[in-house]
């Protein structure tokens, strides 16, 4: 954020408000990244590493940043704030700040240094440190940092962000994968980010808070969600479904390359019986909460709970699964496809911003990412089905033929993605059906809650997946 006495007309769209009381009374608050002068100043600080008040600006060794690049804030609503400089770089300013290195920076650095080129390498970033003893959510004399504007205001920067391509990174249509709210207790283990200490506690060392990350901007790329919908447009208009299997296979290979590099670069572990019990208990608890809130889910509750019980039973026999750092929020909106060579790139490794940082950095089974992408294929087909019916009246038989073609599109994309993953990694996620079903079910249950709260008319989309995952005996128990 920035403050000024008078907001120029050219920045009227960036107005946040006019405080009626307090030290800022009579001034105007506005989004600083919308101001070209301030956005340019921020890039200049990143070009010249060093310290500015409580801020530290760092640049990756060997990286160079051109000067004089025109800033262009991205207007797409996301969890963060982004500005593109020329067509060369994109700066993401994080809105949710927690003590510790942000996974988006940590993972991208690790992958770049491991030689993995499937993720844009960090060019520069800026950070601050916690103040020991400061109340949670404030640092540096009590300025708020929960939204990322606290220490950043020393530069007059603020912001809001999307990711690297021209398309939306929202994943399943208008649904933002970041809006998890209470769902952030994902049950993949306990733990939370630590703060700077509390009154009466022993002194706590300062911790780093990542505030912003500069990476190459992939101007020639389209996000995977839009690319998939483009392939489905013909199907929705009763034309031939454009084959997506080659693209899905290549995306599976790209995902596997990233997972393999992460396993080489960052700590790994194994999920054994205690971890599996905690995982499945949390999944079952979330199912009960959502079923209590969404009556349409209740007939399937027993069959869905069986998916979690099957996984827990395997864990009880001594079965364990490798766990490592993963993307944590993977879907078609988190991947970019180059128009030049069809190469896939993965972006946004921040995970679920509403989740505690320690949880987002915890090793997970790779199947968690795979399940997220498989659900995204299903969602794309379902969205295309609904879009094709909007404003149209077709014979029932033709409508059913269209729906069948779209279901086949999703089935083929899912199979090709898993085959591509197996071809590169040597591990086929389909060979762990209990684990995959549990993660897919947990994701679909979340989608039911989201749609019921925000887009009730879209509720049939995740419910169709619920029916498939529940199986033929879904209505026999509750």
Protein backbone atom coordinates (compact mmCIF):
# COMPACT_ATOMS: atom_id res chain seq x y z
CA UNK A 1 0.00 0.00 0.00
CA UNK A 2 0.95 3.64 -0.42
CA UNK A 3 -0.52 6.82 1.07
CA UNK A 4 -0.95 10.18 -0.55
CA UNK A 5 -2.83 13.39 0.10
CA UNK A 6 -4.40 13.48 -3.36
CA UNK A 7 -4.78 10.49 -5.66
CA UNK A 8 -4.06 11.32 -9.30
CA UNK A 9 -6.94 10.51 -11.67
CA UNK A 10 -4.77 7.99 -13.52
CA UNK A 11 -4.61 5.93 -10.30
CA UNK A 12 -8.30 6.14 -9.43
CA UNK A 13 -8.69 2.43 -10.14
CA UNK A 14 -6.11 1.66 -7.42
CA UNK A 15 -8.04 3.37 -4.62
CA UNK A 16 -8.30 1.30 -1.44
CA UNK A 17 -9.93 3.82 0.88
CA UNK A 18 -9.73 6.97 2.97
CA UNK A 19 -9.19 6.35 6.71
CA UNK A 20 -11.70 8.27 8.84
CA UNK A 21 -9.55 8.15 11.97
CA UNK A 22 -6.06 7.36 13.18
CA UNK A 23 -2.69 8.62 11.98
CA UNK A 24 -3.72 8.29 8.31
CA UNK A 25 -6.93 10.27 8.70
CA UNK A 26 -7.49 12.56 5.72
CA UNK A 27 -5.04 10.64 3.49
CA UNK A 28 -5.71 8.26 0.62
CA UNK A 29 -4.64 4.60 0.60
CA UNK A 30 -4.01 2.98 -2.77
CA UNK A 31 -2.43 -0.12 -4.33
CA UNK A 32 1.19 0.85 -4.89
CA UNK A 33 1.93 -1.64 -7.67
CA UNK A 34 -0.59 0.21 -9.82
CA UNK A 35 1.71 3.23 -9.70
CA UNK A 36 4.32 2.84 -12.49
CA UNK A 37 6.81 5.00 -10.60
CA UNK A 38 6.71 2.81 -7.50
CA UNK A 39 6.64 -0.45 -9.44
CA UNK A 40 9.72 0.70 -11.37
CA UNK A 41 11.46 1.64 -8.13
CA UNK A 42 10.83 -1.84 -6.78
CA UNK A 43 12.43 -3.42 -9.85
CA UNK A 44 15.43 -1.14 -9.49
CA UNK A 45 15.90 -2.32 -5.93
CA UNK A 46 15.85 -5.91 -7.17
CA UNK A 47 18.42 -5.03 -9.84
CA UNK A 48 20.81 -3.72 -7.21
CA UNK A 49 20.91 -6.16 -4.28
CA UNK A 50 21.26 -4.67 -0.85
CA UNK A 51 19.34 -3.45 2.18
CA UNK A 52 16.69 -0.76 2.34
CA UNK A 53 15.40 -0.21 5.87
CA UNK A 54 14.03 -3.54 7.10
CA UNK A 55 14.06 -5.01 3.58
CA UNK A 56 16.76 -7.15 1.95
CA UNK A 57 16.91 -7.42 -1.84
CA UNK A 58 18.73 -10.48 -3.23
CA UNK A 59 19.55 -11.64 -6.72
CA UNK A 60 20.50 -15.11 -7.87
CA UNK A 61 24.24 -15.28 -8.75
CA UNK A 62 24.78 -14.75 -12.45
CA UNK A 63 21.32 -13.28 -13.01
CA UNK A 64 21.03 -9.93 -14.75
CA UNK A 65 17.95 -7.71 -14.83
CA UNK A 66 17.47 -5.19 -17.61
CA UNK A 67 16.52 -1.64 -16.67
CA UNK A 68 13.78 0.51 -18.13
CA UNK A 69 11.17 -2.25 -18.40
CA UNK A 70 7.62 -0.90 -18.31
CA UNK A 71 5.55 -2.33 -15.42
CA UNK A 72 2.11 -3.79 -16.04
CA UNK A 73 0.07 -4.98 -13.05
CA UNK A 74 -1.99 -8.09 -13.68
CA UNK A 75 -5.63 -7.55 -12.87
CA UNK A 76 -6.65 -11.19 -12.36
CA UNK A 77 -7.70 -11.73 -8.76
CA UNK A 78 -5.45 -14.17 -6.97
CA UNK A 79 -4.06 -14.80 -3.52
CA UNK A 80 -1.06 -12.59 -4.23
CA UNK A 81 -0.20 -9.56 -6.38
CA UNK A 82 1.73 -9.56 -9.64
CA UNK A 83 3.28 -7.09 -12.02
CA UNK A 84 4.89 -7.91 -15.37
CA UNK A 85 7.93 -5.93 -16.52
CA UNK A 86 8.05 -5.68 -20.29
CA UNK A 87 7.67 -9.26 -21.44
CA UNK A 88 10.75 -10.31 -19.50
CA UNK A 89 9.84 -10.78 -15.82
CA UNK A 90 6.95 -11.26 -13.48
CA UNK A 91 7.12 -10.13 -9.86
CA UNK A 92 4.86 -11.85 -7.36
CA UNK A 93 4.31 -10.03 -4.06
CA UNK A 94 2.96 -12.38 -1.41
CA UNK A 95 -0.11 -11.31 0.50
CA UNK A 96 0.03 -13.97 3.22
CA UNK A 97 3.32 -13.70 5.07
CA UNK A 98 4.57 -16.25 7.60
CA UNK A 99 7.96 -16.73 9.28
CA UNK A 100 10.16 -18.93 7.12
CA UNK A 101 11.11 -19.08 3.46
CA UNK A 102 8.09 -19.18 1.17
CA UNK A 103 7.84 -22.56 -0.61
CA UNK A 104 7.47 -20.81 -3.96
CA UNK A 105 11.00 -19.44 -3.57
CA UNK A 106 12.45 -22.44 -1.74
CA UNK A 107 11.26 -25.03 -4.24
CA UNK A 108 12.06 -22.96 -7.32
CA UNK A 109 15.59 -22.33 -6.04
CA UNK A 110 16.12 -26.02 -5.30
CA UNK A 111 14.87 -27.07 -8.73
CA UNK A 112 16.91 -24.44 -10.56
CA UNK A 113 20.08 -25.45 -8.73
CA UNK A 114 19.32 -29.10 -9.51
CA UNK A 115 19.17 -28.25 -13.21
CA UNK A 116 15.41 -28.79 -13.58
CA UNK A 117 14.07 -26.49 -16.29
CA UNK A 118 10.39 -27.26 -15.77
CA UNK A 119 10.00 -24.36 -13.33
CA UNK A 120 10.93 -20.70 -13.94
CA UNK A 121 14.17 -20.10 -12.06
CA UNK A 122 14.15 -17.32 -9.46
CA UNK A 123 15.89 -14.20 -10.69
CA UNK A 124 15.64 -12.08 -7.55
CA UNK A 125 13.54 -11.73 -4.40
CA UNK A 126 13.11 -9.55 -1.36
CA UNK A 127 12.54 -10.39 2.27
CA UNK A 128 12.57 -9.14 5.83
CA UNK A 129 12.98 -10.75 9.24
CA UNK A 130 10.69 -11.25 12.18
CA UNK A 131 11.01 -9.09 15.27
CA UNK A 132 11.36 -11.37 18.32
CA UNK A 133 8.46 -10.86 20.69
CA UNK A 134 6.22 -9.12 18.15
CA UNK A 135 2.55 -10.12 18.27
CA UNK A 136 1.41 -12.59 15.67
CA UNK A 137 0.65 -10.85 12.35
CA UNK A 138 2.82 -7.79 13.05
CA UNK A 139 6.49 -7.02 12.61
CA UNK A 140 8.66 -3.93 12.69
CA UNK A 141 6.96 -1.71 15.20
CA UNK A 142 3.54 -3.32 14.90
CA UNK A 143 2.92 -2.82 11.17
CA UNK A 144 0.66 -5.58 9.84
CA UNK A 145 2.33 -8.22 7.68
CA UNK A 146 -0.45 -10.75 7.27
CA UNK A 147 -1.17 -9.41 3.81
CA UNK A 148 2.38 -8.74 2.82
CA UNK A 149 2.06 -4.97 2.89
CA UNK A 150 3.70 -4.31 6.27
CA UNK A 151 7.42 -4.18 5.67
CA UNK A 152 6.74 -3.65 1.97
CA UNK A 153 5.26 -0.24 2.65
CA UNK A 154 8.74 1.06 3.34
CA UNK A 155 9.22 0.90 -0.42
CA UNK A 156 5.79 2.21 -1.24
CA UNK A 157 5.03 -1.14 -2.79
CA UNK A 158 1.95 -3.20 -2.25
CA UNK A 159 0.24 -5.46 -4.67
CA UNK A 160 -1.91 -8.25 -5.74
CA UNK A 161 -0.94 -11.26 -7.91
CA UNK A 162 -1.52 -13.90 -10.50
CA UNK A 163 1.00 -16.16 -12.14
CA UNK A 164 3.21 -16.30 -15.22
CA UNK A 165 1.01 -16.59 -18.30
CA UNK A 166 -1.62 -14.45 -19.89
CA UNK A 167 -4.31 -16.89 -18.76
CA UNK A 168 -5.98 -17.42 -15.42
CA UNK A 169 -4.29 -19.55 -12.79
CA UNK A 170 -7.55 -20.31 -11.04
CA UNK A 171 -7.64 -23.93 -12.10
CA UNK A 172 -11.23 -25.16 -12.24
CA UNK A 173 -12.86 -22.24 -14.04
CA UNK A 174 -13.78 -19.42 -11.71
CA UNK A 175 -12.89 -21.50 -8.67
CA UNK A 176 -9.75 -20.25 -6.98
CA UNK A 177 -7.76 -23.12 -5.56
CA UNK A 178 -6.46 -20.74 -2.94
CA UNK A 179 -9.75 -20.15 -1.19
CA UNK A 180 -9.52 -23.05 1.22
CA UNK A 181 -10.46 -21.22 4.40
CA UNK A 182 -11.15 -23.72 7.17
CA UNK A 183 -10.18 -26.48 4.75
CA UNK A 184 -6.55 -25.49 5.29
CA UNK A 185 -6.25 -28.12 8.03
CA UNK A 186 -5.45 -30.61 5.33
CA UNK A 187 -4.59 -33.41 7.69
CA UNK A 188 -1.32 -34.27 6.00
CA UNK A 189 0.38 -33.98 9.36
CA UNK A 190 0.30 -31.68 12.34
CA UNK A 191 2.26 -28.51 12.80
CA UNK A 192 2.14 -24.82 12.11
CA UNK A 193 4.48 -21.98 11.37
CA UNK A 194 6.11 -20.48 14.38
CA UNK A 195 6.03 -16.83 15.19
CA UNK A 196 8.55 -14.49 16.70
CA UNK A 197 7.90 -15.43 20.31
CA UNK A 198 5.41 -14.41 22.98
CA UNK A 199 5.51 -12.50 26.23
CA UNK A 200 7.28 -14.44 28.91
CA UNK A 201 8.92 -16.88 26.49
CA UNK A 202 12.60 -17.34 25.90
CA UNK A 203 14.11 -15.12 23.17
CA UNK A 204 13.46 -16.41 19.69
CA UNK A 205 15.91 -15.95 16.84
CA UNK A 206 14.81 -13.83 13.94
CA UNK A 207 13.28 -15.67 11.03
CA UNK A 208 13.12 -14.77 7.37
CA UNK A 209 9.85 -13.68 5.79
CA UNK A 210 9.75 -13.88 1.99
CA UNK A 211 7.90 -10.87 0.58
CA UNK A 212 8.27 -11.08 -3.19
CA UNK A 213 9.76 -13.19 -5.98
CA UNK A 214 10.91 -12.16 -9.48
CA UNK A 215 11.00 -14.83 -12.20
CA UNK A 216 11.11 -14.96 -16.01
CA UNK A 217 7.77 -14.19 -17.62
CA UNK A 218 6.69 -16.85 -20.10
CA UNK A 219 4.94 -14.56 -22.53
CA UNK A 220 4.34 -17.18 -25.22
CA UNK A 221 2.56 -19.58 -22.87
CA UNK A 222 -1.08 -20.44 -22.22
CA UNK A 223 -2.21 -21.86 -18.91
CA UNK A 224 -3.28 -25.48 -19.01
CA UNK A 225 -6.86 -24.77 -18.01
CA UNK A 226 -7.48 -22.52 -20.99
CA UNK A 227 -5.56 -24.85 -23.29
CA UNK A 228 -7.75 -27.77 -22.20
CA UNK A 229 -10.95 -25.76 -22.66
CA UNK A 230 -9.80 -24.77 -26.15
CA UNK A 231 -9.57 -28.48 -26.96
CA UNK A 232 -13.04 -29.01 -25.58
CA UNK A 233 -14.74 -26.12 -27.36
CA UNK A 234 -15.48 -28.18 -30.41
CA UNK A 235 -16.93 -30.95 -28.29
CA UNK A 236 -19.28 -28.55 -26.56
CA UNK A 237 -20.51 -27.47 -29.97
CA UNK A 238 -21.17 -31.07 -31.04
CA UNK A 239 -18.03 -31.19 -33.15
CA UNK A 240 -15.25 -33.73 -32.90
CA UNK A 241 -13.41 -33.70 -29.58
CA UNK A 242 -9.87 -32.48 -30.17
CA UNK A 243 -7.43 -35.11 -28.97
CA UNK A 244 -5.63 -34.10 -25.77
CA UNK A 245 -3.80 -37.32 -24.98
CA UNK A 246 -0.45 -36.23 -26.36
CA UNK A 247 -0.53 -33.02 -24.33
CA UNK A 248 -1.67 -34.89 -21.21
CA UNK A 249 1.08 -37.49 -21.62
CA UNK A 250 3.70 -34.73 -21.93
CA UNK A 251 2.24 -33.02 -18.85
CA UNK A 252 2.56 -36.26 -16.90
CA UNK A 253 6.20 -36.46 -17.94
CA UNK A 254 6.81 -32.86 -16.86
CA UNK A 255 5.21 -33.51 -13.47
CA UNK A 256 7.37 -36.58 -12.96
CA UNK A 257 10.53 -34.66 -13.89
CA UNK A 258 9.74 -32.08 -11.23
CA UNK A 259 8.99 -34.73 -8.61
CA UNK A 260 12.23 -36.57 -9.33
CA UNK A 261 14.23 -33.35 -9.06
CA UNK A 262 12.50 -32.46 -5.78
CA UNK A 263 13.30 -35.89 -4.35
CA UNK A 264 16.96 -35.35 -5.21
CA UNK A 265 17.10 -31.82 -3.87
CA UNK A 266 14.98 -31.70 -0.71
CA UNK A 267 14.37 -34.06 2.23
CA UNK A 268 12.30 -37.21 1.79
CA UNK A 269 10.67 -39.54 4.27
CA UNK A 270 8.02 -42.27 4.40
CA UNK A 271 4.41 -42.33 5.49
CA UNK A 272 3.95 -45.21 7.91
CA UNK A 273 1.03 -46.39 10.00
CA UNK A 274 0.84 -43.39 12.41
CA UNK A 275 0.99 -40.86 9.57
CA UNK A 276 -1.55 -42.78 7.48
CA UNK A 277 -3.91 -42.97 10.46
CA UNK A 278 -3.71 -39.22 10.99
CA UNK A 279 -4.17 -38.59 7.28
CA UNK A 280 -7.25 -40.79 6.89
CA UNK A 281 -8.79 -39.62 10.16
CA UNK A 282 -8.53 -36.01 8.97
CA UNK A 283 -10.01 -36.92 5.59
CA UNK A 284 -12.94 -38.67 7.26
CA UNK A 285 -13.48 -35.74 9.59
CA UNK A 286 -13.64 -33.34 6.65
CA UNK A 287 -16.10 -35.62 4.89
CA UNK A 288 -18.42 -35.54 7.92
CA UNK A 289 -18.18 -31.75 8.15
CA UNK A 290 -19.04 -31.28 4.48
CA UNK A 291 -21.83 -33.86 4.56
CA UNK A 292 -23.30 -31.96 7.49
CA UNK A 293 -23.24 -28.76 5.45
CA UNK A 294 -24.26 -30.17 2.04
CA UNK A 295 -27.21 -32.60 2.17
CA UNK A 296 -26.56 -33.80 -1.39
CA UNK A 297 -23.34 -35.46 -0.20
CA UNK A 298 -24.93 -37.48 2.60
CA UNK A 299 -26.10 -40.49 0.56
CA UNK A 300 -22.48 -41.12 -0.44
CA UNK A 301 -20.86 -40.62 2.93
CA UNK A 302 -20.54 -44.29 3.86
CA UNK A 303 -19.02 -45.32 0.53
CA UNK A 304 -16.61 -42.39 0.55
CA UNK A 305 -15.54 -43.11 4.10
CA UNK A 306 -14.74 -46.64 2.91
CA UNK A 307 -12.12 -45.14 0.58
CA UNK A 308 -10.30 -43.68 3.56
CA UNK A 309 -10.77 -46.87 5.59
CA UNK A 310 -9.23 -48.95 2.80
CA UNK A 311 -6.11 -46.77 2.89
CA UNK A 312 -5.96 -46.95 6.68
CA UNK A 313 -6.24 -50.74 6.54
CA UNK A 314 -3.27 -50.92 4.19
CA UNK A 315 -1.28 -48.74 6.57
CA UNK A 316 -2.21 -51.01 9.45
CA UNK A 317 -0.67 -53.99 7.61
CA UNK A 318 2.68 -52.20 7.55
CA UNK A 319 2.41 -50.72 4.06
CA UNK A 320 4.22 -47.41 3.73
CA UNK A 321 4.59 -44.84 0.98
CA UNK A 322 7.48 -42.52 0.06
CA UNK A 323 6.87 -38.87 0.85
CA UNK A 324 8.71 -35.85 -0.49
CA UNK A 325 8.20 -32.20 -1.31
CA UNK A 326 5.47 -31.79 -3.92
CA UNK A 327 3.63 -28.93 -5.57
CA UNK A 328 0.76 -29.18 -3.11
CA UNK A 329 -1.92 -27.47 -5.21
CA UNK A 330 -1.47 -28.86 -8.70
CA UNK A 331 -4.15 -28.44 -11.35
CA UNK A 332 -4.41 -27.26 -14.94
CA UNK A 333 -4.28 -23.61 -13.91
CA UNK A 334 -0.85 -24.14 -12.34
CA UNK A 335 0.85 -25.27 -15.54
CA UNK A 336 1.80 -23.34 -18.67
CA UNK A 337 2.22 -24.67 -22.19
CA UNK A 338 4.55 -22.96 -24.62
CA UNK A 339 2.96 -22.09 -27.95
CA UNK A 340 6.41 -22.38 -29.54
CA UNK A 341 7.33 -25.96 -28.71
CA UNK A 342 4.50 -27.37 -26.57
CA UNK A 343 6.74 -27.61 -23.52
CA UNK A 344 5.00 -27.68 -20.13
CA UNK A 345 6.15 -25.58 -17.17
CA UNK A 346 4.88 -25.84 -13.59
CA UNK A 347 4.32 -22.66 -11.59
CA UNK A 348 3.21 -21.46 -8.18
CA UNK A 349 4.72 -23.80 -5.60
CA UNK A 350 3.37 -21.75 -2.73
CA UNK A 351 0.82 -24.44 -1.91
CA UNK A 352 -2.38 -23.44 -0.16
CA UNK A 353 -1.64 -20.00 1.34
CA UNK A 354 -4.29 -20.45 4.03
CA UNK A 355 -2.44 -23.50 5.37
CA UNK A 356 0.34 -23.11 7.95
CA UNK A 357 3.75 -22.76 6.37
CA UNK A 358 5.12 -25.82 8.16
CA UNK A 359 2.30 -27.88 6.70
CA UNK A 360 2.94 -26.62 3.17
CA UNK A 361 6.62 -27.55 3.47
CA UNK A 362 5.93 -31.05 4.79
CA UNK A 363 6.77 -34.06 2.56
CA UNK A 364 3.73 -35.63 0.88
CA UNK A 365 3.09 -38.61 -1.43
CA UNK A 366 3.45 -37.61 -5.07
CA UNK A 367 -0.05 -38.98 -5.57
CA UNK A 368 -1.40 -35.84 -3.94
CA UNK A 369 -0.30 -33.80 -6.96
CA UNK A 370 -1.45 -36.48 -9.39
CA UNK A 371 -4.91 -36.58 -7.84
CA UNK A 372 -5.22 -32.82 -8.13
CA UNK A 373 -4.45 -32.95 -11.84
CA UNK A 374 -6.80 -35.85 -12.48
CA UNK A 375 -9.62 -33.94 -10.83
CA UNK A 376 -8.76 -30.96 -13.01
CA UNK A 377 -9.23 -33.03 -16.19
CA UNK A 378 -12.64 -34.10 -14.94
CA UNK A 379 -13.55 -30.55 -14.09
CA UNK A 380 -12.56 -29.25 -17.52
CA UNK A 381 -14.79 -31.82 -19.21
CA UNK A 382 -17.67 -31.01 -16.86
CA UNK A 383 -17.31 -27.28 -17.46
CA UNK A 384 -17.31 -27.85 -21.21
CA UNK A 385 -20.46 -29.98 -20.89
CA UNK A 386 -22.27 -27.23 -19.02
CA UNK A 387 -20.98 -24.49 -21.31
CA UNK A 388 -22.13 -26.40 -24.36
CA UNK A 389 -25.66 -26.66 -23.00
CA UNK A 390 -25.98 -23.00 -22.02
CA UNK A 391 -28.47 -21.26 -24.25
CA UNK A 392 -28.96 -24.34 -26.45
CA UNK A 393 -31.75 -26.77 -26.95
CA UNK A 394 -30.75 -30.10 -28.45
CA UNK A 395 -32.41 -33.50 -28.66
CA UNK A 396 -31.73 -35.61 -25.58
CA UNK A 397 -29.85 -38.19 -27.61
CA UNK A 398 -27.45 -35.64 -29.05
CA UNK A 399 -26.86 -34.09 -25.61
CA UNK A 400 -26.05 -37.50 -24.19
CA UNK A 401 -23.67 -38.20 -27.08
CA UNK A 402 -21.90 -34.92 -26.31
CA UNK A 403 -21.62 -35.78 -22.61
CA UNK A 404 -20.27 -39.21 -23.46
CA UNK A 405 -17.58 -37.74 -25.73
CA UNK A 406 -16.51 -35.34 -23.00
CA UNK A 407 -16.36 -38.11 -20.42
CA UNK A 408 -14.18 -40.07 -22.80
CA UNK A 409 -11.98 -36.99 -23.27
CA UNK A 410 -11.43 -36.82 -19.50
CA UNK A 411 -10.85 -40.57 -19.22
CA UNK A 412 -8.27 -40.51 -22.00
CA UNK A 413 -6.52 -37.45 -20.56
CA UNK A 414 -6.33 -39.07 -17.12
CA UNK A 415 -4.89 -42.28 -18.54
CA UNK A 416 -2.37 -40.45 -20.75
CA UNK A 417 -1.24 -38.25 -17.86
CA UNK A 418 -0.59 -41.27 -15.62
CA UNK A 419 1.15 -43.09 -18.48
CA UNK A 420 3.41 -40.10 -19.09
CA UNK A 421 4.20 -39.89 -15.40
CA UNK A 422 5.09 -43.59 -15.33
CA UNK A 423 7.22 -43.36 -18.47
CA UNK A 424 9.48 -40.78 -16.83
CA UNK A 425 9.46 -41.80 -13.18
CA UNK A 426 9.03 -45.57 -13.38
CA UNK A 427 6.08 -45.27 -10.99
CA UNK A 428 2.49 -45.49 -12.19
CA UNK A 429 0.12 -43.82 -9.71
CA UNK A 430 -2.63 -46.18 -10.83
CA UNK A 431 -0.72 -49.01 -9.16
CA UNK A 432 -1.62 -47.44 -5.80
CA UNK A 433 -5.41 -47.36 -6.26
CA UNK A 434 -6.25 -46.99 -2.55
CA UNK A 435 -3.94 -44.03 -2.09
CA UNK A 436 -5.05 -42.38 -5.32
CA UNK A 437 -8.74 -42.89 -4.58
CA UNK A 438 -8.38 -41.43 -1.08
CA UNK A 439 -6.71 -38.27 -2.35
CA UNK A 440 -9.13 -37.88 -5.25
CA UNK A 441 -12.05 -38.35 -2.88
CA UNK A 442 -10.72 -35.77 -0.44
CA UNK A 443 -10.29 -33.29 -3.30
CA UNK A 444 -13.80 -33.93 -4.63
CA UNK A 445 -15.30 -33.48 -1.17
CA UNK A 446 -13.63 -30.07 -0.94
CA UNK A 447 -15.04 -29.18 -4.36
CA UNK A 448 -18.53 -30.06 -3.15
CA UNK A 449 -18.16 -27.66 -0.23
CA UNK A 450 -16.79 -24.90 -2.44
CA UNK A 451 -19.51 -25.14 -5.07
CA UNK A 452 -22.28 -25.40 -2.47
CA UNK A 453 -21.05 -22.19 -0.85
CA UNK A 454 -20.11 -20.14 -3.90
CA UNK A 455 -21.76 -21.59 -7.04
CA UNK A 456 -24.69 -23.84 -6.09
CA UNK A 457 -25.67 -24.34 -9.72
CA UNK A 458 -22.27 -25.94 -10.28
CA UNK A 459 -22.72 -28.50 -7.50
CA UNK A 460 -23.52 -31.31 -9.99
CA UNK A 461 -19.96 -31.05 -11.34
CA UNK A 462 -18.14 -32.41 -8.26
CA UNK A 463 -21.13 -34.59 -7.36
CA UNK A 464 -20.63 -36.50 -10.60
CA UNK A 465 -17.10 -37.31 -9.43
CA UNK A 466 -18.45 -38.24 -6.00
CA UNK A 467 -20.80 -40.74 -7.63
CA UNK A 468 -17.93 -42.30 -9.55
CA UNK A 469 -15.64 -42.46 -6.53
CA UNK A 470 -18.36 -43.83 -4.27
CA UNK A 471 -19.07 -46.74 -6.60
CA UNK A 472 -22.29 -48.70 -7.17
CA UNK A 473 -23.12 -49.16 -3.50
CA UNK A 474 -23.00 -45.46 -2.61
CA UNK A 475 -26.56 -45.33 -1.30
CA UNK A 476 -26.45 -48.47 0.81
CA UNK A 477 -24.92 -46.73 3.82
CA UNK A 478 -24.63 -43.23 5.24
